[in-house]
Amino acid sequence: MTGQTETGGATGTQDKDYNLIWYVEACLSNALRLQGYIEDAERAEDTEVADLFRKAQADSRKGAELGKGLLRARLGRG
C-alpha cells in the first residue's frame, strides 16, 4: 500500500494480499465500466472506439482471471 504504513494490523490482511484483492476488484470494475463505454460507442456507430474498448475490456478480464487464480491458490493455503 503505497504511502501508508498499515501492514495488516488494522485490516488483518497483509499488504501483498490486500493489493492482490484490490487488483482483482479494479480489473472487474474496469471491465464493467468499459461495457458502458462500448455501448455508448455502439450507439454513436463508432466501431473504432467500440473495438478499442472491447480490447481493453478483454485485458481487464484477463487480469481479473489471473488475479483470481492467485487468490484461490493463496487462500487455499490459509
PDB file of N, CA and C in Angstrom:
ATOM      1  N   MET A   1       0.851  -1.174   0.000  1.00  0.00           N
ATOM      2  CA  MET A   1       0.000   0.000   0.000  1.00  0.00           C
ATOM      3  C   MET A   1       0.897   1.238   0.000  1.00  0.00           C
ATOM      4  N   THR A   2       1.081   1.795  -1.104  1.00  0.00           N
ATOM      5  CA  THR A   2       1.982   2.915  -1.272  1.00  0.00           C
ATOM      6  C   THR A   2       1.556   4.097  -0.416  1.00  0.00           C
ATOM      7  N   GLY A   3       2.546   4.665   0.291  1.00  0.00           N
ATOM      8  CA  GLY A   3       2.282   5.864   1.070  1.00  0.00           C
ATOM      9  C   GLY A   3       1.620   5.622   2.406  1.00  0.00           C
ATOM     10  N   GLN A   4       1.381   4.394   2.779  1.00  0.00           N
ATOM     11  CA  GLN A   4       0.753   4.095   4.053  1.00  0.00           C
ATOM     12  C   GLN A   4       1.624   3.099   4.807  1.00  0.00           C
ATOM     13  N   THR A   5       1.503   3.109   6.128  1.00  0.00           N
ATOM     14  CA  THR A   5       2.328   2.212   6.933  1.00  0.00           C
ATOM     15  C   THR A   5       1.561   0.998   7.426  1.00  0.00           C
ATOM     16  N   GLU A   6       0.286   0.890   7.120  1.00  0.00           N
ATOM     17  CA  GLU A   6      -0.526  -0.244   7.550  1.00  0.00           C
ATOM     18  C   GLU A   6       0.006  -1.508   6.895  1.00  0.00           C
ATOM     19  N   THR A   7       0.344  -2.508   7.700  1.00  0.00           N
ATOM     20  CA  THR A   7       0.893  -3.757   7.155  1.00  0.00           C
ATOM     21  C   THR A   7       0.051  -4.960   7.557  1.00  0.00           C
ATOM     22  N   GLY A   8      -1.203  -4.733   7.794  1.00  0.00           N
ATOM     23  CA  GLY A   8      -2.100  -5.828   8.130  1.00  0.00           C
ATOM     24  C   GLY A   8      -2.630  -5.781   9.541  1.00  0.00           C
ATOM     25  N   GLY A   9      -2.077  -4.912  10.372  1.00  0.00           N
ATOM     26  CA  GLY A   9      -2.542  -4.826  11.755  1.00  0.00           C
ATOM     27  C   GLY A   9      -3.990  -4.381  11.865  1.00  0.00           C
ATOM     28  N   ALA A  10      -4.365  -3.389  11.094  1.00  0.00           N
ATOM     29  CA  ALA A  10      -5.727  -2.859  11.155  1.00  0.00           C
ATOM     30  C   ALA A  10      -6.711  -3.721  10.377  1.00  0.00           C
ATOM     31  N   THR A  11      -6.280  -4.199   9.225  1.00  0.00           N
ATOM     32  CA  THR A  11      -7.206  -4.951   8.366  1.00  0.00           C
ATOM     33  C   THR A  11      -7.153  -6.450   8.584  1.00  0.00           C
ATOM     34  N   GLY A  12      -6.052  -6.933   9.155  1.00  0.00           N
ATOM     35  CA  GLY A  12      -5.884  -8.373   9.296  1.00  0.00           C
ATOM     36  C   GLY A  12      -5.455  -9.032   7.993  1.00  0.00           C
ATOM     37  N   THR A  13      -5.102  -8.230   7.012  1.00  0.00           N
ATOM     38  CA  THR A  13      -4.691  -8.726   5.697  1.00  0.00           C
ATOM     39  C   THR A  13      -3.357  -8.099   5.333  1.00  0.00           C
ATOM     40  N   GLN A  14      -2.380  -8.921   5.021  1.00  0.00           N
ATOM     41  CA  GLN A  14      -1.075  -8.407   4.638  1.00  0.00           C
ATOM     42  C   GLN A  14      -1.197  -7.541   3.387  1.00  0.00           C
ATOM     43  N   ASP A  15      -0.307  -6.551   3.276  1.00  0.00           N
ATOM     44  CA  ASP A  15      -0.356  -5.631   2.140  1.00  0.00           C
ATOM     45  C   ASP A  15      -0.369  -6.369   0.807  1.00  0.00           C
ATOM     46  N   LYS A  16       0.502  -7.353   0.634  1.00  0.00           N
ATOM     47  CA  LYS A  16       0.574  -8.045  -0.660  1.00  0.00           C
ATOM     48  C   LYS A  16      -0.746  -8.735  -0.984  1.00  0.00           C
ATOM     49  N   ASP A  17      -1.410  -9.281   0.000  1.00  0.00           N
ATOM     50  CA  ASP A  17      -2.702  -9.928  -0.235  1.00  0.00           C
ATOM     51  C   ASP A  17      -3.794  -8.888  -0.469  1.00  0.00           C
ATOM     52  N   TYR A  18      -3.769  -7.824   0.312  1.00  0.00           N
ATOM     53  CA  TYR A  18      -4.729  -6.731   0.136  1.00  0.00           C
ATOM     54  C   TYR A  18      -4.584  -6.152  -1.267  1.00  0.00           C
ATOM     55  N   ASN A  19      -3.341  -5.945  -1.702  1.00  0.00           N
ATOM     56  CA  ASN A  19      -3.089  -5.386  -3.026  1.00  0.00           C
ATOM     57  C   ASN A  19      -3.624  -6.300  -4.121  1.00  0.00           C
ATOM     58  N   LEU A  20      -3.486  -7.598  -3.933  1.00  0.00           N
ATOM     59  CA  LEU A  20      -3.994  -8.553  -4.911  1.00  0.00           C
ATOM     60  C   LEU A  20      -5.523  -8.511  -4.966  1.00  0.00           C
ATOM     61  N   ILE A  21      -6.150  -8.441  -3.815  1.00  0.00           N
ATOM     62  CA  ILE A  21      -7.612  -8.328  -3.765  1.00  0.00           C
ATOM     63  C   ILE A  21      -8.059  -7.044  -4.454  1.00  0.00           C
ATOM     64  N   TRP A  22      -7.354  -5.940  -4.150  1.00  0.00           N
ATOM     65  CA  TRP A  22      -7.677  -4.664  -4.780  1.00  0.00           C
ATOM     66  C   TRP A  22      -7.535  -4.758  -6.292  1.00  0.00           C
ATOM     67  N   TYR A  23      -6.461  -5.397  -6.760  1.00  0.00           N
ATOM     68  CA  TYR A  23      -6.207  -5.513  -8.192  1.00  0.00           C
ATOM     69  C   TYR A  23      -7.344  -6.246  -8.900  1.00  0.00           C
ATOM     70  N   VAL A  24      -7.796  -7.343  -8.321  1.00  0.00           N
ATOM     71  CA  VAL A  24      -8.894  -8.103  -8.923  1.00  0.00           C
ATOM     72  C   VAL A  24     -10.144  -7.239  -8.981  1.00  0.00           C
ATOM     73  N   GLU A  25     -10.443  -6.559  -7.893  1.00  0.00           N
ATOM     74  CA  GLU A  25     -11.633  -5.695  -7.868  1.00  0.00           C
ATOM     75  C   GLU A  25     -11.518  -4.590  -8.911  1.00  0.00           C
ATOM     76  N   ALA A  26     -10.348  -3.987  -9.043  1.00  0.00           N
ATOM     77  CA  ALA A  26     -10.151  -2.906 -10.008  1.00  0.00           C
ATOM     78  C   ALA A  26     -10.330  -3.420 -11.441  1.00  0.00           C
ATOM     79  N   CYS A  27      -9.796  -4.605 -11.728  1.00  0.00           N
ATOM     80  CA  CYS A  27      -9.955  -5.187 -13.066  1.00  0.00           C
ATOM     81  C   CYS A  27     -11.423  -5.455 -13.376  1.00  0.00           C
ATOM     82  N   LEU A  28     -12.136  -6.035 -12.419  1.00  0.00           N
ATOM     83  CA  LEU A  28     -13.549  -6.336 -12.631  1.00  0.00           C
ATOM     84  C   LEU A  28     -14.366  -5.056 -12.790  1.00  0.00           C
ATOM     85  N   SER A  29     -14.077  -4.061 -11.968  1.00  0.00           N
ATOM     86  CA  SER A  29     -14.769  -2.786 -12.050  1.00  0.00           C
ATOM     87  C   SER A  29     -14.507  -2.119 -13.396  1.00  0.00           C
ATOM     88  N   ASN A  30     -13.266  -2.184 -13.844  1.00  0.00           N
ATOM     89  CA  ASN A  30     -12.912  -1.599 -15.128  1.00  0.00           C
ATOM     90  C   ASN A  30     -13.645  -2.302 -16.267  1.00  0.00           C
ATOM     91  N   ALA A  31     -13.713  -3.630 -16.227  1.00  0.00           N
ATOM     92  CA  ALA A  31     -14.425  -4.380 -17.266  1.00  0.00           C
ATOM     93  C   ALA A  31     -15.891  -3.975 -17.313  1.00  0.00           C
ATOM     94  N   LEU A  32     -16.489  -3.782 -16.154  1.00  0.00           N
ATOM     95  CA  LEU A  32     -17.887  -3.370 -16.088  1.00  0.00           C
ATOM     96  C   LEU A  32     -18.067  -1.957 -16.637  1.00  0.00           C
ATOM     97  N   ARG A  33     -17.208  -1.044 -16.244  1.00  0.00           N
ATOM     98  CA  ARG A  33     -17.287   0.338 -16.724  1.00  0.00           C
ATOM     99  C   ARG A  33     -17.101   0.388 -18.247  1.00  0.00           C
ATOM    100  N   LEU A  34     -16.160  -0.399 -18.758  1.00  0.00           N
ATOM    101  CA  LEU A  34     -15.913  -0.409 -20.195  1.00  0.00           C
ATOM    102  C   LEU A  34     -17.123  -0.908 -20.975  1.00  0.00           C
ATOM    103  N   GLN A  35     -17.941  -1.760 -20.385  1.00  0.00           N
ATOM    104  CA  GLN A  35     -19.149  -2.217 -21.064  1.00  0.00           C
ATOM    105  C   GLN A  35     -20.046  -1.031 -21.405  1.00  0.00           C
ATOM    106  N   GLY A  36     -20.179  -0.104 -20.477  1.00  0.00           N
ATOM    107  CA  GLY A  36     -20.963   1.108 -20.741  1.00  0.00           C
ATOM    108  C   GLY A  36     -20.348   1.948 -21.840  1.00  0.00           C
ATOM    109  N   TYR A  37     -19.024   2.034 -21.851  1.00  0.00           N
ATOM    110  CA  TYR A  37     -18.336   2.797 -22.891  1.00  0.00           C
ATOM    111  C   TYR A  37     -18.533   2.151 -24.261  1.00  0.00           C
ATOM    112  N   ILE A  38     -18.495   0.830 -24.292  1.00  0.00           N
ATOM    113  CA  ILE A  38     -18.727   0.104 -25.546  1.00  0.00           C
ATOM    114  C   ILE A  38     -20.125   0.409 -26.068  1.00  0.00           C
ATOM    115  N   GLU A  39     -21.095   0.345 -25.177  1.00  0.00           N
ATOM    116  CA  GLU A  39     -22.477   0.616 -25.574  1.00  0.00           C
ATOM    117  C   GLU A  39     -22.641   2.045 -26.068  1.00  0.00           C
ATOM    118  N   ASP A  40     -21.970   3.004 -25.423  1.00  0.00           N
ATOM    119  CA  ASP A  40     -22.024   4.401 -25.876  1.00  0.00           C
ATOM    120  C   ASP A  40     -21.454   4.523 -27.290  1.00  0.00           C
ATOM    121  N   ALA A  41     -20.306   3.886 -27.524  1.00  0.00           N
ATOM    122  CA  ALA A  41     -19.671   3.956 -28.837  1.00  0.00           C
ATOM    123  C   ALA A  41     -20.540   3.286 -29.899  1.00  0.00           C
ATOM    124  N   GLU A  42     -21.160   2.177 -29.532  1.00  0.00           N
ATOM    125  CA  GLU A  42     -22.042   1.492 -30.491  1.00  0.00           C
ATOM    126  C   GLU A  42     -23.246   2.350 -30.840  1.00  0.00           C
ATOM    127  N   ARG A  43     -23.820   3.020 -29.842  1.00  0.00           N
ATOM    128  CA  ARG A  43     -24.953   3.914 -30.111  1.00  0.00           C
ATOM    129  C   ARG A  43     -24.547   5.035 -31.063  1.00  0.00           C
ATOM    130  N   ALA A  44     -23.309   5.481 -30.946  1.00  0.00           N
ATOM    131  CA  ALA A  44     -22.790   6.539 -31.818  1.00  0.00           C
ATOM    132  C   ALA A  44     -22.266   5.977 -33.135  1.00  0.00           C
ATOM    133  N   GLU A  45     -22.382   4.658 -33.303  1.00  0.00           N
ATOM    134  CA  GLU A  45     -21.920   3.964 -34.510  1.00  0.00           C
ATOM    135  C   GLU A  45     -20.435   4.209 -34.778  1.00  0.00           C
ATOM    136  N   ASP A  46     -19.659   4.245 -33.695  1.00  0.00           N
ATOM    137  CA  ASP A  46     -18.206   4.436 -33.794  1.00  0.00           C
ATOM    138  C   ASP A  46     -17.534   3.101 -33.480  1.00  0.00           C
ATOM    139  N   THR A  47     -17.390   2.274 -34.495  1.00  0.00           N
ATOM    140  CA  THR A  47     -16.848   0.931 -34.293  1.00  0.00           C
ATOM    141  C   THR A  47     -15.380   0.947 -33.883  1.00  0.00           C
ATOM    142  N   GLU A  48     -14.645   1.947 -34.330  1.00  0.00           N
ATOM    143  CA  GLU A  48     -13.222   2.028 -33.972  1.00  0.00           C
ATOM    144  C   GLU A  48     -13.047   2.187 -32.464  1.00  0.00           C
ATOM    145  N   VAL A  49     -13.829   3.073 -31.870  1.00  0.00           N
ATOM    146  CA  VAL A  49     -13.757   3.281 -30.421  1.00  0.00           C
ATOM    147  C   VAL A  49     -14.321   2.072 -29.685  1.00  0.00           C
ATOM    148  N   ALA A  50     -15.419   1.524 -30.188  1.00  0.00           N
ATOM    149  CA  ALA A  50     -16.010   0.342 -29.552  1.00  0.00           C
ATOM    150  C   ALA A  50     -15.007  -0.811 -29.538  1.00  0.00           C
ATOM    151  N   ASP A  51     -14.290  -0.999 -30.637  1.00  0.00           N
ATOM    152  CA  ASP A  51     -13.288  -2.070 -30.700  1.00  0.00           C
ATOM    153  C   ASP A  51     -12.152  -1.832 -29.710  1.00  0.00           C
ATOM    154  N   LEU A  52     -11.718  -0.585 -29.596  1.00  0.00           N
ATOM    155  CA  LEU A  52     -10.671  -0.256 -28.617  1.00  0.00           C
ATOM    156  C   LEU A  52     -11.130  -0.631 -27.209  1.00  0.00           C
ATOM    157  N   PHE A  53     -12.357  -0.257 -26.866  1.00  0.00           N
ATOM    158  CA  PHE A  53     -12.868  -0.555 -25.530  1.00  0.00           C
ATOM    159  C   PHE A  53     -13.074  -2.049 -25.323  1.00  0.00           C
ATOM    160  N   ARG A  54     -13.439  -2.771 -26.352  1.00  0.00           N
ATOM    161  CA  ARG A  54     -13.574  -4.234 -26.240  1.00  0.00           C
ATOM    162  C   ARG A  54     -12.217  -4.874 -25.935  1.00  0.00           C
ATOM    163  N   LYS A  55     -11.176  -4.400 -26.604  1.00  0.00           N
ATOM    164  CA  LYS A  55      -9.835  -4.929 -26.342  1.00  0.00           C
ATOM    165  C   LYS A  55      -9.401  -4.613 -24.918  1.00  0.00           C
ATOM    166  N   ALA A  56      -9.669  -3.390 -24.470  1.00  0.00           N
ATOM    167  CA  ALA A  56      -9.325  -3.012 -23.100  1.00  0.00           C
ATOM    168  C   ALA A  56     -10.116  -3.848 -22.102  1.00  0.00           C
ATOM    169  N   GLN A  57     -11.380  -4.110 -22.404  1.00  0.00           N
ATOM    170  CA  GLN A  57     -12.217  -4.930 -21.531  1.00  0.00           C
ATOM    171  C   GLN A  57     -11.679  -6.355 -21.453  1.00  0.00           C
ATOM    172  N   ALA A  58     -11.250  -6.898 -22.578  1.00  0.00           N
ATOM    173  CA  ALA A  58     -10.679  -8.246 -22.583  1.00  0.00           C
ATOM    174  C   ALA A  58      -9.413  -8.296 -21.726  1.00  0.00           C
ATOM    175  N   ASP A  59      -8.584  -7.254 -21.806  1.00  0.00           N
ATOM    176  CA  ASP A  59      -7.381  -7.196 -20.975  1.00  0.00           C
ATOM    177  C   ASP A  59      -7.737  -7.134 -19.492  1.00  0.00           C
ATOM    178  N   SER A  60      -8.770  -6.361 -19.156  1.00  0.00           N
ATOM    179  CA  SER A  60      -9.199  -6.265 -17.757  1.00  0.00           C
ATOM    180  C   SER A  60      -9.722  -7.604 -17.259  1.00  0.00           C
ATOM    181  N   ARG A  61     -10.490  -8.278 -18.088  1.00  0.00           N
ATOM    182  CA  ARG A  61     -10.991  -9.607 -17.709  1.00  0.00           C
ATOM    183  C   ARG A  61      -9.849 -10.588 -17.499  1.00  0.00           C
ATOM    184  N   LYS A  62      -8.859 -10.528 -18.394  1.00  0.00           N
ATOM    185  CA  LYS A  62      -7.702 -11.415 -18.267  1.00  0.00           C
ATOM    186  C   LYS A  62      -6.960 -11.141 -16.964  1.00  0.00           C
ATOM    187  N   GLY A  63      -6.750  -9.878 -16.644  1.00  0.00           N
ATOM    188  CA  GLY A  63      -6.091  -9.526 -15.393  1.00  0.00           C
ATOM    189  C   GLY A  63      -6.862 -10.029 -14.190  1.00  0.00           C
ATOM    190  N   ALA A  64      -8.176  -9.892 -14.239  1.00  0.00           N
ATOM    191  CA  ALA A  64      -9.008 -10.375 -13.136  1.00  0.00           C
ATOM    192  C   ALA A  64      -8.891 -11.885 -12.985  1.00  0.00           C
ATOM    193  N   GLU A  65      -8.901 -12.604 -14.095  1.00  0.00           N
ATOM    194  CA  GLU A  65      -8.791 -14.060 -14.031  1.00  0.00           C
ATOM    195  C   GLU A  65      -7.444 -14.494 -13.468  1.00  0.00           C
ATOM    196  N   LEU A  66      -6.376 -13.841 -13.899  1.00  0.00           N
ATOM    197  CA  LEU A  66      -5.052 -14.159 -13.362  1.00  0.00           C
ATOM    198  C   LEU A  66      -4.998 -13.887 -11.859  1.00  0.00           C
ATOM    199  N   GLY A  67      -5.527 -12.748 -11.455  1.00  0.00           N
ATOM    200  CA  GLY A  67      -5.549 -12.406 -10.034  1.00  0.00           C
ATOM    201  C   GLY A  67      -6.407 -13.361  -9.225  1.00  0.00           C
ATOM    202  N   LYS A  68      -7.562 -13.740  -9.762  1.00  0.00           N
ATOM    203  CA  LYS A  68      -8.425 -14.680  -9.047  1.00  0.00           C
ATOM    204  C   LYS A  68      -7.732 -16.026  -8.873  1.00  0.00           C
ATOM    205  N   GLY A  69      -6.980 -16.437  -9.888  1.00  0.00           N
ATOM    206  CA  GLY A  69      -6.237 -17.693  -9.775  1.00  0.00           C
ATOM    207  C   GLY A  69      -5.226 -17.647  -8.641  1.00  0.00           C
ATOM    208  N   LEU A  70      -4.507 -16.539  -8.543  1.00  0.00           N
ATOM    209  CA  LEU A  70      -3.556 -16.381  -7.439  1.00  0.00           C
ATOM    210  C   LEU A  70      -4.269 -16.359  -6.093  1.00  0.00           C
ATOM    211  N   LEU A  71      -5.386 -15.653  -6.030  1.00  0.00           N
ATOM    212  CA  LEU A  71      -6.143 -15.608  -4.769  1.00  0.00           C
ATOM    213  C   LEU A  71      -6.608 -16.996  -4.357  1.00  0.00           C
ATOM    214  N   ARG A  72      -7.138 -17.759  -5.309  1.00  0.00           N
ATOM    215  CA  ARG A  72      -7.596 -19.120  -4.984  1.00  0.00           C
ATOM    216  C   ARG A  72      -6.462 -19.946  -4.398  1.00  0.00           C
ATOM    217  N   ALA A  73      -5.310 -19.880  -5.028  1.00  0.00           N
ATOM    218  CA  ALA A  73      -4.158 -20.655  -4.561  1.00  0.00           C
ATOM    219  C   ALA A  73      -3.714 -20.205  -3.183  1.00  0.00           C
ATOM    220  N   ARG A  74      -3.681 -18.912  -2.963  1.00  0.00           N
ATOM    221  CA  ARG A  74      -3.184 -18.389  -1.683  1.00  0.00           C
ATOM    222  C   ARG A  74      -4.191 -18.553  -0.557  1.00  0.00           C
ATOM    223  N   LEU A  75      -5.457 -18.376  -0.845  1.00  0.00           N
ATOM    224  CA  LEU A  75      -6.464 -18.529   0.200  1.00  0.00           C
ATOM    225  C   LEU A  75      -6.608 -19.990   0.583  1.00  0.00           C
ATOM    226  N   GLY A  76      -6.359 -20.877  -0.348  1.00  0.00           N
ATOM    227  CA  GLY A  76      -6.385 -22.304  -0.060  1.00  0.00           C
ATOM    228  C   GLY A  76      -5.316 -22.725   0.909  1.00  0.00           C
ATOM    229  N   ARG A  77      -4.208 -21.966   0.937  1.00  0.00           N
ATOM    230  CA  ARG A  77      -3.114 -22.268   1.861  1.00  0.00           C
ATOM    231  C   ARG A  77      -3.410 -21.780   3.267  1.00  0.00           C
ATOM    232  N   GLY A  78      -4.312 -20.758   3.334  1.00  0.00           N
ATOM    233  CA  GLY A  78      -4.753 -20.121   4.549  1.00  0.00           C
ATOM    234  C   GLY A  78      -3.971 -20.292   5.730  1.00  0.00           C
TER     235      GLY A  78
END
